[in-house]
Protein backbone atom coordinates (compact mmCIF):
# COMPACT_ATOMS: atom_id res chain seq x y z
CA UNK A 1 -6.38 4.49 23.70
CA UNK A 2 -7.31 8.04 24.72
CA UNK A 3 -10.67 7.74 26.43
CA UNK A 4 -12.41 10.60 28.46
CA UNK A 5 -15.94 10.29 29.86
CA UNK A 6 -18.05 13.34 30.20
CA UNK A 7 -22.00 12.93 30.83
CA UNK A 8 -21.74 9.50 29.51
CA UNK A 9 -20.02 10.60 26.30
CA UNK A 10 -16.79 8.42 25.49
CA UNK A 11 -14.25 9.55 23.14
CA UNK A 12 -11.67 7.30 21.69
CA UNK A 13 -8.64 7.80 19.58
CA UNK A 14 -6.85 5.77 17.09
CA UNK A 15 -5.44 5.66 13.62
CA UNK A 16 -7.14 7.33 10.65
CA UNK A 17 -7.29 4.47 8.22
CA UNK A 18 -9.85 5.64 5.77
CA UNK A 19 -11.32 9.09 5.57
CA UNK A 20 -14.77 10.13 5.99
CA UNK A 21 -17.24 10.79 8.72
CA UNK A 22 -20.04 8.28 9.64
CA UNK A 23 -22.92 8.85 11.93
CA UNK A 24 -24.79 5.73 13.23
CA UNK A 25 -25.16 3.17 15.82
CA UNK A 26 -22.38 0.81 16.79
CA UNK A 27 -22.63 -3.03 16.37
CA UNK A 28 -20.03 -4.98 18.37
CA UNK A 29 -19.18 -8.18 16.57
CA UNK A 30 -16.89 -11.14 17.71
CA UNK A 31 -13.87 -11.09 15.39
CA UNK A 32 -11.43 -11.81 18.23
CA UNK A 33 -8.82 -14.52 17.50
CA UNK A 34 -9.86 -17.71 18.96
CA UNK A 35 -8.53 -18.87 22.44
CA UNK A 36 -6.92 -22.12 22.23
CA UNK A 37 -5.02 -24.34 24.79
CA UNK A 38 -1.77 -26.05 24.21
CA UNK A 39 -1.41 -29.25 25.89
CA UNK A 40 0.88 -32.28 25.73
CA UNK A 41 -0.13 -35.47 23.80
CA UNK A 42 1.21 -39.02 23.87
CA UNK A 43 3.30 -40.52 21.22
CA UNK A 44 0.45 -42.74 19.93
CA UNK A 45 -1.71 -39.47 19.56
CA UNK A 46 0.82 -37.57 17.51
CA UNK A 47 -0.71 -39.06 14.08
CA UNK A 48 -4.23 -38.17 15.17
CA UNK A 49 -3.04 -34.52 15.78
CA UNK A 50 -1.35 -34.29 12.23
CA UNK A 51 -4.76 -35.43 10.69
CA UNK A 52 -6.70 -32.79 12.97
CA UNK A 53 -4.30 -30.18 11.40
CA UNK A 54 -4.82 -31.46 7.80
CA UNK A 55 -8.55 -31.37 8.25
CA UNK A 56 -8.40 -28.03 9.67
CA UNK A 57 -6.24 -26.78 6.63
CA UNK A 58 -8.46 -28.64 4.11
CA UNK A 59 -11.69 -27.11 5.73
CA UNK A 60 -10.26 -23.53 5.39
CA UNK A 61 -9.12 -24.12 1.89
CA UNK A 62 -12.69 -25.22 0.95
CA UNK A 63 -14.15 -22.14 2.79
CA UNK A 64 -12.04 -19.74 0.93
CA UNK A 65 -12.42 -21.36 -2.37
CA UNK A 66 -16.22 -21.30 -1.99
CA UNK A 67 -16.13 -17.51 -0.97
CA UNK A 68 -13.79 -16.87 -4.04
CA UNK A 69 -16.52 -18.46 -6.22
CA UNK A 70 -19.36 -16.71 -4.59
CA UNK A 71 -17.63 -13.35 -4.90
CA UNK A 72 -16.83 -14.02 -8.63
CA UNK A 73 -20.26 -14.48 -9.28
CA UNK A 74 -21.74 -11.47 -7.33
CA UNK A 75 -19.00 -9.15 -7.72
CA UNK A 76 -16.80 -10.21 -10.57
CA UNK A 77 -13.07 -10.77 -10.73
CA UNK A 78 -12.05 -7.31 -9.31
CA UNK A 79 -11.86 -8.10 -5.60
CA UNK A 80 -10.31 -11.60 -5.43
CA UNK A 81 -6.71 -10.55 -4.86
CA UNK A 82 -7.32 -10.82 -0.98
CA UNK A 83 -8.81 -14.07 -1.13
CA UNK A 84 -5.93 -15.42 -3.47
CA UNK A 85 -3.35 -14.12 -0.82
CA UNK A 86 -4.79 -16.15 1.85
CA UNK A 87 -5.11 -19.13 -0.19
CA UNK A 88 -1.41 -18.74 -1.14
CA UNK A 89 -0.50 -18.56 2.53
CA UNK A 90 -2.55 -21.55 3.05
CA UNK A 91 -0.81 -23.58 0.23
CA UNK A 92 2.62 -22.62 1.77
CA UNK A 93 4.23 -25.95 2.75
CA UNK A 94 6.17 -24.30 5.46
CA UNK A 95 3.16 -23.40 7.52
CA UNK A 96 2.13 -27.13 7.50
CA UNK A 97 5.57 -28.70 8.04
CA UNK A 98 6.58 -26.25 10.79
CA UNK A 99 3.45 -27.07 12.77
CA UNK A 100 3.76 -30.83 12.18
CA UNK A 101 7.52 -30.50 13.35
CA UNK A 102 6.15 -28.89 16.78
CA UNK A 103 3.52 -31.74 16.94
CA UNK A 104 6.16 -34.64 16.36
CA UNK A 105 9.09 -32.91 18.11
CA UNK A 106 7.44 -31.21 21.04
CA UNK A 107 4.57 -33.63 21.32
CA UNK A 108 2.02 -30.97 21.60
CA UNK A 109 -1.70 -30.72 20.15
CA UNK A 110 -2.37 -29.11 16.56
CA UNK A 111 -3.62 -26.00 18.30
CA UNK A 112 -0.63 -25.35 20.26
CA UNK A 113 1.70 -26.15 17.12
CA UNK A 114 -0.26 -23.57 15.16
CA UNK A 115 0.07 -21.12 17.95
CA UNK A 116 4.00 -21.61 18.01
CA UNK A 117 4.24 -21.33 14.35
CA UNK A 118 2.30 -18.09 14.31
CA UNK A 119 4.72 -16.57 16.90
CA UNK A 120 7.64 -17.44 14.66
CA UNK A 121 6.03 -15.73 11.88
CA UNK A 122 5.45 -12.75 14.26
CA UNK A 123 9.12 -12.56 15.08
CA UNK A 124 10.13 -12.55 11.42
CA UNK A 125 7.84 -9.79 10.41
CA UNK A 126 8.61 -7.55 13.27
CA UNK A 127 12.00 -7.37 12.11
CA UNK A 128 11.03 -5.68 9.03
CA UNK A 129 11.39 -1.98 8.58
CA UNK A 130 9.04 -1.28 5.98
CA UNK A 131 5.56 -0.81 7.45
CA UNK A 132 3.67 -2.02 4.36
CA UNK A 133 5.58 -5.28 4.48
CA UNK A 134 5.42 -5.58 8.31
CA UNK A 135 1.82 -5.48 8.36
CA UNK A 136 1.57 -8.49 6.05
CA UNK A 137 1.61 -10.59 9.39
CA UNK A 138 -2.00 -9.64 9.58
CA UNK A 139 -2.77 -11.99 6.76
CA UNK A 140 -0.92 -14.85 8.23
CA UNK A 141 -2.77 -14.35 11.49
CA UNK A 142 -6.04 -14.21 9.69
CA UNK A 143 -5.33 -17.41 7.96
CA UNK A 144 -4.16 -19.21 11.07
CA UNK A 145 -7.09 -18.09 13.04
CA UNK A 146 -9.34 -19.46 10.33
CA UNK A 147 -7.65 -22.96 10.35
CA UNK A 148 -7.86 -22.94 14.34
CA UNK A 149 -11.53 -21.99 14.21
CA UNK A 150 -12.33 -24.74 11.68
CA UNK A 151 -10.33 -27.07 13.88
CA UNK A 152 -12.60 -26.20 16.76
CA UNK A 153 -15.68 -26.25 14.58
CA UNK A 154 -16.48 -22.44 15.29
CA UNK A 155 -16.04 -20.66 12.00
CA UNK A 156 -17.08 -16.97 11.66
CA UNK A 157 -20.30 -16.06 10.13
CA UNK A 158 -20.42 -12.94 7.87
CA UNK A 159 -20.81 -9.58 9.34
CA UNK A 160 -24.50 -8.33 9.14
CA UNK A 161 -25.74 -4.92 9.78
CA UNK A 162 -28.11 -3.89 12.63
CA UNK A 163 -30.23 -1.38 10.88
CA UNK A 164 -29.40 1.16 7.97
CA UNK A 165 -26.73 3.05 9.75
CA UNK A 166 -24.41 0.45 11.29
CA UNK A 167 -20.72 1.00 12.30
CA UNK A 168 -19.00 -2.28 13.03
CA UNK A 169 -16.88 -2.52 16.13
CA UNK A 170 -14.40 -5.47 16.24
CA UNK A 171 -11.03 -6.57 17.41
CA UNK A 172 -10.17 -7.18 13.91
CA UNK A 173 -11.79 -7.06 10.31
CA UNK A 174 -10.48 -9.07 7.57
CA UNK A 175 -10.48 -8.18 3.78
CA UNK A 176 -12.95 -11.21 3.38
CA UNK A 177 -15.42 -9.60 5.97
CA UNK A 178 -15.23 -6.38 4.13
CA UNK A 179 -15.98 -8.00 0.70
CA UNK A 180 -18.98 -9.81 2.23
CA UNK A 181 -20.46 -6.78 3.87
CA UNK A 182 -23.67 -4.90 2.92
CA UNK A 183 -21.68 -1.70 2.35
CA UNK A 184 -25.10 0.21 1.76
CA UNK A 185 -25.98 -0.34 5.46
CA UNK A 186 -22.44 -0.74 7.06
CA UNK A 187 -21.14 2.71 6.86
CA UNK A 188 -17.83 2.23 8.61
CA UNK A 189 -15.75 0.21 11.13
CA UNK A 190 -13.44 0.51 13.97
CA UNK A 191 -10.89 -2.20 15.05
CA UNK A 192 -8.57 -2.75 17.96
CA UNK A 193 -5.75 -3.74 15.80
CA UNK A 194 -4.34 -2.82 12.40
CA UNK A 195 -2.83 -0.02 10.68
CA UNK A 196 -3.09 2.34 7.47
CA UNK A 197 -1.30 -0.15 5.45
CA UNK A 198 -3.19 -3.28 6.38
CA UNK A 199 -5.19 -4.93 3.56
CA UNK A 200 -8.44 -4.21 5.48
CA UNK A 201 -7.40 -0.49 5.59
CA UNK A 202 -6.57 -0.44 1.81
CA UNK A 203 -9.74 -2.09 0.87
CA UNK A 204 -11.61 0.43 3.00
CA UNK A 205 -10.14 3.31 1.24
CA UNK A 206 -10.82 1.48 -2.18
CA UNK A 207 -14.43 1.22 -1.22
CA UNK A 208 -14.47 4.64 0.53
CA UNK A 209 -15.65 3.05 3.76
CA UNK A 210 -14.77 5.39 6.85
CA UNK A 211 -12.47 3.42 9.24
CA UNK A 212 -10.58 3.93 12.38
CA UNK A 213 -8.11 1.31 13.58
CA UNK A 214 -5.79 0.71 16.55
CA UNK A 215 -8.35 1.56 19.10
CA UNK A 216 -7.15 -0.56 21.89
CA UNK A 217 -9.75 -2.20 24.10
CA UNK A 218 -12.84 -0.70 22.24
CA UNK A 219 -14.42 -4.14 21.55
CA UNK A 220 -14.48 -5.06 25.21
CA UNK A 221 -16.70 -2.08 25.99
CA UNK A 222 -20.48 -2.39 26.38
CA UNK A 223 -21.13 -0.25 23.39
CA UNK A 224 -23.60 -2.32 21.22
CA UNK A 225 -26.40 -0.28 19.91
CA UNK A 226 -25.02 3.11 21.18
CA UNK A 227 -25.08 6.19 18.85
CA UNK A 228 -21.66 7.14 17.61
CA UNK A 229 -19.60 9.44 15.34
CA UNK A 230 -16.95 7.70 13.36
CA UNK A 231 -14.45 10.38 12.18
CA UNK A 232 -11.85 8.74 9.81
CA UNK A 233 -10.18 12.07 9.05
CA UNK A 234 -8.89 12.46 12.49
CA UNK A 235 -8.97 8.99 13.94
CA UNK A 236 -11.56 9.78 16.46
CA UNK A 237 -14.58 7.65 17.62
CA UNK A 238 -17.16 9.35 19.72
CA UNK A 239 -19.89 7.39 21.49
CA UNK A 240 -23.09 8.70 22.81
CA UNK A 241 -22.16 12.35 21.75
CA UNK A 242 -23.87 15.38 23.41
CA UNK A 243 -25.76 17.77 21.44
CA UNK A 244 -22.80 20.25 20.76
CA UNK A 245 -20.69 17.43 19.67
CA UNK A 246 -23.26 15.91 17.61
CA UNK A 247 -23.77 19.19 15.72
CA UNK A 248 -20.13 20.02 15.28
CA UNK A 249 -19.31 16.74 13.87
CA UNK A 250 -22.55 16.75 11.57
CA UNK A 251 -21.29 19.93 10.27
CA UNK A 252 -17.78 18.48 9.76
CA UNK A 253 -19.31 15.50 7.82
CA UNK A 254 -21.29 17.86 5.57
CA UNK A 255 -18.31 19.97 5.07
CA UNK A 256 -16.14 16.99 4.22
CA UNK A 257 -18.66 15.63 1.78
CA UNK A 258 -19.11 19.00 0.14
CA UNK A 259 -15.40 19.48 -0.24
CA UNK A 260 -14.94 15.86 -1.51
CA UNK A 261 -17.86 16.27 -4.02
CA UNK A 262 -16.36 19.37 -5.29
CA UNK A 263 -12.77 17.83 -5.55
CA UNK A 264 -14.26 14.77 -7.21
CA UNK A 265 -16.04 17.13 -9.91
CA UNK A 266 -12.43 17.98 -10.78
CA UNK A 267 -11.78 14.41 -11.85
CA UNK A 268 -13.47 15.24 -15.40
CA UNK A 269 -11.40 18.27 -15.67
CA UNK A 270 -8.04 18.37 -17.47
CA UNK A 271 -5.01 18.30 -15.22
CA UNK A 272 -3.51 21.50 -16.56
CA UNK A 273 -2.14 24.84 -15.38
CA UNK A 274 -4.08 28.14 -15.85
CA UNK A 275 -1.63 28.75 -19.02
CA UNK A 276 -2.64 25.43 -20.49
CA UNK A 277 0.46 23.25 -19.36
CA UNK A 278 -0.87 19.75 -19.06
CA UNK A 279 0.75 17.60 -16.23
CA UNK A 280 0.15 13.98 -15.81
CA UNK A 281 -1.43 12.84 -12.42
CA UNK A 282 -1.21 9.14 -11.64
CA UNK A 283 -1.89 6.75 -8.82
CA UNK A 284 0.37 4.59 -6.70
CA UNK A 285 -1.24 1.23 -5.85
CA UNK A 286 -0.51 -2.25 -4.47
CA UNK A 287 -3.51 -4.30 -5.45
CA UNK A 288 -5.89 -4.07 -8.27
CA UNK A 289 -8.81 -3.09 -6.15
CA UNK A 290 -7.09 0.32 -5.90
CA UNK A 291 -7.27 0.85 -9.66
CA UNK A 292 -10.74 1.93 -10.05
CA UNK A 293 -10.19 4.50 -7.15
CA UNK A 294 -7.45 6.11 -9.06
CA UNK A 295 -9.58 6.63 -12.13
CA UNK A 296 -12.65 7.93 -10.09
CA UNK A 297 -10.44 10.50 -8.46
CA UNK A 298 -9.08 11.77 -11.75
CA UNK A 299 -5.86 9.91 -12.34
CA UNK A 300 -4.68 9.05 -15.62
CA UNK A 301 -3.18 5.64 -15.00
CA UNK A 302 -0.73 4.11 -12.45
CA UNK A 303 2.65 5.66 -12.11
CA UNK A 304 3.86 3.01 -9.41
CA UNK A 305 2.53 -0.53 -8.98
CA UNK A 306 4.25 -2.13 -6.11
CA UNK A 307 4.78 -5.81 -6.71
CA UNK A 308 6.18 -6.78 -3.51
CA UNK A 309 2.87 -8.32 -2.04
CA UNK A 310 3.30 -11.22 -4.54
CA UNK A 311 6.56 -12.25 -2.91
CA UNK A 312 5.38 -12.23 0.71
CA UNK A 313 4.18 -14.90 3.16
CA UNK A 314 5.70 -17.81 1.20
CA UNK A 315 8.59 -20.20 0.94
CA UNK A 316 8.71 -20.44 -2.90
CA UNK A 317 9.02 -17.41 -5.31
CA UNK A 318 5.76 -16.91 -7.24
CA UNK A 319 5.71 -18.56 -10.60
CA UNK A 320 5.46 -16.67 -13.94
CA UNK A 321 1.78 -17.40 -14.47
CA UNK A 322 0.63 -16.32 -10.89
CA UNK A 323 2.44 -12.87 -11.50
CA UNK A 324 1.08 -12.61 -15.07
CA UNK A 325 -2.51 -13.05 -13.69
CA UNK A 326 -2.03 -10.26 -10.91
CA UNK A 327 -0.47 -7.84 -13.34
CA UNK A 328 -3.08 -8.49 -15.98
CA UNK A 329 -5.79 -7.86 -13.34
CA UNK A 330 -4.17 -4.33 -12.69
CA UNK A 331 -3.84 -3.64 -16.38
CA UNK A 332 -7.58 -4.31 -16.77
CA UNK A 333 -8.49 -2.14 -13.74
CA UNK A 334 -6.85 0.97 -15.18
CA UNK A 335 -7.14 0.46 -18.95
CA UNK A 336 -6.84 2.22 -21.38
CA UNK A 337 -4.36 4.31 -19.39
CA UNK A 338 -0.78 3.45 -18.85
CA UNK A 339 0.45 1.09 -15.91
CA UNK A 340 4.02 1.41 -14.69
CA UNK A 341 5.13 -1.75 -12.77
CA UNK A 342 8.08 -1.75 -10.57
CA UNK A 343 10.00 -4.78 -10.32
CA UNK A 344 10.72 -6.30 -6.84
CA UNK A 345 11.84 -3.59 -4.50
CA UNK A 346 12.66 -5.35 -1.23
CA UNK A 347 15.67 -6.81 0.54
CA UNK A 348 16.32 -10.42 1.07
CA UNK A 349 15.85 -9.94 4.74
CA UNK A 350 12.18 -9.05 3.90
CA UNK A 351 11.30 -11.89 1.65
CA UNK A 352 11.41 -15.70 2.04
CA UNK A 353 12.78 -18.02 4.60
CA UNK A 354 13.61 -20.49 1.52
CA UNK A 355 15.69 -17.57 -0.07
CA UNK A 356 19.41 -17.77 0.53
CA UNK A 357 20.67 -14.27 1.71
CA UNK A 358 23.31 -13.16 3.77
CA UNK A 359 22.91 -11.61 7.31
CA UNK A 360 23.19 -8.02 7.18
CA UNK A 361 23.95 -5.23 9.52
CA UNK A 362 22.21 -2.57 7.57
CA UNK A 363 19.78 -4.26 5.15
CA UNK A 364 18.63 -0.61 3.92
CA UNK A 365 22.30 -0.49 2.37
CA UNK A 366 22.67 -4.08 1.53
CA UNK A 367 21.36 -6.61 -1.11
CA UNK A 368 17.90 -5.08 -1.94
CA UNK A 369 15.78 -4.10 -4.95
CA UNK A 370 17.45 -4.33 -8.15
CA UNK A 371 20.84 -5.83 -6.56
CA UNK A 372 18.71 -8.60 -5.03
CA UNK A 373 17.08 -9.22 -8.50
CA UNK A 374 20.36 -9.47 -10.29
CA UNK A 375 21.63 -12.03 -7.73
CA UNK A 376 18.70 -14.30 -8.76
CA UNK A 377 18.37 -13.78 -12.70
CA UNK A 378 16.13 -16.79 -13.36
CA UNK A 379 13.44 -15.45 -10.68
CA UNK A 380 14.00 -11.91 -12.17
CA UNK A 381 13.24 -13.12 -15.55
CA UNK A 382 10.06 -14.66 -14.48
CA UNK A 383 8.87 -11.38 -13.25
CA UNK A 384 9.99 -9.55 -16.48
CA UNK A 385 8.53 -12.27 -18.76
CA UNK A 386 5.07 -11.96 -16.89
CA UNK A 387 5.23 -7.97 -17.33
CA UNK A 388 6.06 -8.40 -20.96
CA UNK A 389 3.32 -10.66 -21.65
CA UNK A 390 0.84 -7.99 -19.95
CA UNK A 391 2.38 -5.44 -22.31
CA UNK A 392 0.74 -7.10 -25.38
CA UNK A 393 -2.60 -5.99 -23.78
CA UNK A 394 -2.05 -2.25 -23.38
CA UNK A 395 0.32 0.32 -22.16
CA UNK A 396 2.67 -1.19 -19.92
CA UNK A 397 6.05 0.04 -18.61
CA UNK A 398 8.98 -1.46 -16.52
CA UNK A 399 10.48 0.48 -13.92
CA UNK A 400 13.80 -0.88 -12.12
CA UNK A 401 14.26 0.18 -8.39
CA UNK A 402 17.07 1.65 -6.57
CA UNK A 403 19.42 2.02 -9.52
CA UNK A 404 22.79 3.49 -8.31
CA UNK A 405 24.95 3.25 -11.16
CA UNK A 406 25.19 2.64 -14.94
CA UNK A 407 26.34 -1.01 -14.48
CA UNK A 408 23.26 -1.95 -12.77
CA UNK A 409 20.98 -0.41 -15.28
CA UNK A 410 23.02 -2.27 -18.14
CA UNK A 411 22.80 -5.51 -16.39
CA UNK A 412 19.07 -5.21 -15.46
CA UNK A 413 18.36 -4.47 -19.29
CA UNK A 414 20.46 -7.56 -20.25
CA UNK A 415 18.18 -9.80 -18.26
CA UNK A 416 15.23 -8.10 -19.82
CA UNK A 417 16.67 -8.86 -23.34
CA UNK A 418 17.08 -12.36 -22.35
CA UNK A 419 13.41 -12.47 -21.23
CA UNK A 420 12.18 -11.03 -24.64
CA UNK A 421 14.27 -13.65 -26.40
CA UNK A 422 12.79 -16.41 -24.57
CA UNK A 423 9.22 -15.08 -25.15
CA UNK A 424 10.12 -14.86 -28.88
CA UNK A 425 11.31 -18.41 -29.02
CA UNK A 426 8.06 -19.52 -27.38
CA UNK A 427 6.06 -17.34 -29.93
CA UNK A 428 4.36 -15.22 -27.13
CA UNK A 429 3.50 -11.59 -27.92
CA UNK A 430 4.69 -8.66 -26.20
CA UNK A 431 5.32 -4.81 -26.67
CA UNK A 432 8.60 -4.66 -28.44
CA UNK A 433 8.86 -1.03 -27.87
CA UNK A 434 7.96 -1.28 -24.06
CA UNK A 435 9.27 1.77 -22.18
CA UNK A 436 11.91 0.97 -19.48
CA UNK A 437 12.53 3.43 -16.76
CA UNK A 438 14.26 3.75 -13.46
CA UNK A 439 13.69 4.94 -10.09
CA UNK A 440 16.27 7.64 -8.77
CA UNK A 441 16.30 6.98 -5.04
CA UNK A 442 20.16 7.26 -4.00
CA UNK A 443 22.55 10.06 -4.28
CA UNK A 444 24.75 8.40 -6.55
CA UNK A 445 21.97 7.93 -9.12
CA UNK A 446 21.49 11.83 -8.77
CA UNK A 447 25.18 12.51 -9.35
CA UNK A 448 25.14 10.24 -12.54
CA UNK A 449 21.78 11.03 -13.67
CA UNK A 450 22.77 12.64 -16.84
CA UNK A 451 24.55 9.17 -17.77
CA UNK A 452 21.69 7.17 -16.68
CA UNK A 453 19.32 9.30 -18.62
CA UNK A 454 21.05 8.24 -21.81
CA UNK A 455 19.85 4.76 -21.32
CA UNK A 456 16.56 5.13 -19.69
CA UNK A 457 13.16 5.97 -21.23
CA UNK A 458 12.01 7.89 -18.06
CA UNK A 459 12.95 8.70 -14.70
CA UNK A 460 10.76 8.38 -11.62
CA UNK A 461 12.01 9.90 -8.44
CA UNK A 462 11.29 8.13 -5.14
CA UNK A 463 11.51 11.03 -2.75
CA UNK A 464 10.88 9.05 0.36
CA UNK A 465 14.05 6.96 0.05
CA UNK A 466 16.09 9.87 -1.63
CA UNK A 467 15.38 12.11 1.24
CA UNK A 468 16.42 9.25 3.61
CA UNK A 469 19.59 8.57 1.96
CA UNK A 470 20.30 12.10 1.09
CA UNK A 471 20.04 13.28 4.58
CA UNK A 472 21.07 10.10 6.37
CA UNK A 473 17.74 9.94 8.14
CA UNK A 474 15.83 6.83 9.15
CA UNK A 475 12.42 7.98 8.15
CA UNK A 476 10.87 5.21 10.66
CA UNK A 477 12.83 6.56 13.64
CA UNK A 478 10.56 8.66 15.80
CA UNK A 479 13.66 10.51 17.29
CA UNK A 480 14.56 11.82 13.84
CA UNK A 481 11.12 12.92 12.37
CA UNK A 482 11.99 16.63 12.61
CA UNK A 483 15.10 16.06 10.48
CA UNK A 484 13.12 14.53 7.52
CA UNK A 485 12.79 17.65 5.48
CA UNK A 486 11.55 17.33 1.91
CA UNK A 487 12.47 21.13 1.32
CA UNK A 488 16.11 20.80 2.56
CA UNK A 489 18.34 22.51 0.03
CA UNK A 490 20.23 19.31 -0.48
CA UNK A 491 16.93 17.55 -1.51
CA UNK A 492 15.96 20.50 -3.83
CA UNK A 493 19.19 20.59 -5.53
CA UNK A 494 19.07 16.82 -5.99
CA UNK A 495 15.71 17.18 -7.80
CA UNK A 496 16.98 20.04 -9.83
CA UNK A 497 19.86 18.00 -11.01
CA UNK A 498 17.63 15.00 -11.93
CA UNK A 499 15.05 16.91 -13.85
CA UNK A 500 17.93 18.75 -15.95
CA UNK A 501 19.44 15.46 -16.72
CA UNK A 502 16.13 14.18 -18.02
CA UNK A 503 15.45 17.32 -19.99
CA UNK A 504 18.93 17.18 -21.48
CA UNK A 505 18.21 13.57 -22.72
CA UNK A 506 14.50 14.39 -23.91
CA UNK A 507 13.01 11.92 -21.25
CA UNK A 508 10.15 12.51 -18.91
CA UNK A 509 10.67 13.03 -15.25
CA UNK A 510 8.27 11.87 -12.67
CA UNK A 511 8.03 12.11 -8.77
CA UNK A 512 6.15 9.02 -7.11
CA UNK A 513 6.95 9.65 -3.46
CA UNK A 514 5.12 11.23 -0.72
CA UNK A 515 5.93 14.92 -2.13
CA UNK A 516 3.89 14.22 -5.13
CA UNK A 517 0.85 14.07 -3.26
CA UNK A 518 1.08 17.09 -1.06
CA UNK A 519 -0.22 20.35 -2.79
CA UNK A 520 2.40 22.51 -0.75
CA UNK A 521 5.12 21.05 -2.88
CA UNK A 522 3.41 21.29 -6.22
CA UNK A 523 4.59 24.73 -7.16
CA UNK A 524 8.16 23.77 -6.67
CA UNK A 525 7.96 20.40 -8.72
CA UNK A 526 6.07 22.26 -11.52
CA UNK A 527 8.66 25.05 -11.50
CA UNK A 528 11.60 22.60 -11.51
CA UNK A 529 10.08 20.99 -14.59
CA UNK A 530 8.51 17.54 -13.56
CA UNK A 531 5.78 16.73 -15.86
CA UNK A 532 4.07 13.68 -13.96
CA UNK A 533 3.30 12.97 -10.59
CA UNK A 534 2.20 9.69 -8.91
CA UNK A 535 0.42 9.63 -5.59
CA UNK A 536 -2.33 7.75 -3.53
CA UNK A 537 -5.61 8.03 -5.37
CA UNK A 538 -7.14 10.23 -2.49
CA UNK A 539 -4.46 12.90 -3.05
CA UNK A 540 -5.25 13.35 -6.77
CA UNK A 541 -8.05 15.76 -6.51
CA UNK A 542 -6.33 18.16 -4.15
CA UNK A 543 -3.28 18.28 -6.20
CA UNK A 544 -5.30 18.93 -9.29
CA UNK A 545 -7.07 21.73 -7.47
CA UNK A 546 -3.79 23.34 -6.89
CA UNK A 547 -2.47 22.57 -10.32
CA UNK A 548 -5.23 24.39 -12.06
CA UNK A 549 -4.52 27.50 -9.96
CA UNK A 550 -0.87 27.52 -10.92
CA UNK A 551 0.78 29.44 -13.68
CA UNK A 552 4.02 27.74 -15.09
CA UNK A 553 6.01 31.04 -15.23
CA UNK A 554 5.03 32.06 -11.55
CA UNK A 555 5.96 28.33 -10.45
CA UNK A 556 9.27 28.54 -12.13
CA UNK A 557 9.74 31.89 -10.40
CA UNK A 558 8.87 30.28 -7.12
CA UNK A 559 11.07 27.31 -7.58
CA UNK A 560 14.02 29.41 -8.60
CA UNK A 561 13.44 31.68 -5.44
CA UNK A 562 13.58 28.47 -3.07
CA UNK A 563 17.38 28.08 -3.73
CA UNK A 564 18.09 31.51 -2.25
CA UNK A 565 17.46 29.89 1.22
CA UNK A 566 19.76 27.88 3.19
CA UNK A 567 17.49 25.89 5.61
CA UNK A 568 14.34 23.75 5.06
CA UNK A 569 12.42 26.05 7.49
CA UNK A 570 13.13 29.12 5.49
CA UNK A 571 12.04 27.35 2.34
CA UNK A 572 8.91 26.15 4.03
CA UNK A 573 8.02 29.70 5.12
CA UNK A 574 8.56 31.23 1.91
CA UNK A 575 6.75 28.53 -0.14
CA UNK A 576 3.59 28.81 2.08
CA UNK A 577 3.51 32.66 1.78
CA UNK A 578 4.05 32.25 -1.92
CA UNK A 579 1.20 29.81 -2.08
CA UNK A 580 -1.26 31.96 -0.07
CA UNK A 581 -0.55 35.09 -2.37
CA UNK A 582 -0.06 33.78 -5.55
CA UNK A 583 -1.83 30.45 -6.02
CA UNK A 584 -4.49 30.01 -3.45
CA UNK A 585 -6.19 31.88 -0.63
CA UNK A 586 -5.62 28.73 1.65
CA UNK A 587 -3.79 25.63 1.75
CA UNK A 588 -5.95 22.71 2.77
């Protein structure tokens, strides 16, 4: 926390989790995880402790099930995914069995056993590189805290506002808290823990609720009822602002809302260049709640639906029906627009304790993504059958991740054909002409992209991983941030190779990494020939704004000129100057 005091004004810094500026009064609520003691129990008390554990789990299950039904009646089925996730964790036999093992073996109380079980989960998730998957520990902590509170008889009450312009301050906020909030009167929240990829942050962005997270110690301050400014753009919270600071941020709020309203008006305009070239702009999503936000921001469907969440926090792989229901919910959220579903893209080290996988020195280069799927064909077919079943309802496409060679693509397609045959035998309908594409994420796929294009219906370039693998840069390593360069000549040449291979085979090429959502890179991507971009919903209006200023001939000239430079710094400087003089007065 960065805190400075000046004439009673306090400034806190955290992580900008959901954009927007809110001005209101703070309400500090108790959402700190319950504190429990661990103590030894006698042998004859072991059975009683097991019963206390069972009762706590049962009460928590009833609480979540009742909440799910209430939300279904008041808000429909659109926002039940997060509740289902917590119910899924609760039903994981591992959670109960490991806690019981601590009770019986270590002879400790139920609360202490749950705490030890949680610590094991924390250690497991701490070893995951991917920030999105790593933050799924928050869901486990929320569920275990609910169990502990039910054992203690101290369940949380819903968060209620204190007036019409309330900003909530808490140690943590769960998706269930957000779903039950009066979002007309609660205009933002601040938490001590969490990150941009936590489920609470994802839901806040879907509801366009400004949020700042990771503000250490803020819930311990005597801030209740104090006037405050929550800046979800910069990750700043200002308490008791002086007049000049208040006026500055009020102007910032008005400017942001004016710009956003202007950008959202672009949602109704076609995504095309000045000379009439139409480019598909789509969204990257993880949960069905994000689908409406993609459409509201002007997206024309989903170019990347990450399915990893269904496979986390559990011992057993999800069954076909569970996957079908999740994919169907996403399809309904974006219909009639297309939905591209990426099959499981994670390593065995990131998934299930119940899954047998080798210990790997470098999981990023090991058994992950399509390699993992091909090692467990029956589970792979479950996912493919679920996707195929959803394809009967609308435009659904399948995308295989991290394809590195033609053999992998052919093997994946062979499993897909088996899944189709099984549905045929069962008389279950599906789209027999479903499109099947691949992600281009590794250098070998770039080199043989002409061969891969002959047996693919589309390409989607995952620039995050492609940059990482091409430049041998761990993008999560803070010491190498400066070397992670999207405009590196090696990256640009790779993109050119891929799009030329796609063009030669007559298939579309998409960008679905972070490059797609940055207006700076748009002229280069257009000029190279990419006809589809997929990004976070909030980025779509700004990219569309730049798109409508572009001319394809000029973009082609800019892209071609980039290859005359030998360093990323030179390309960056040239590109910014070209945008300022050719496409836009300023680059937001």
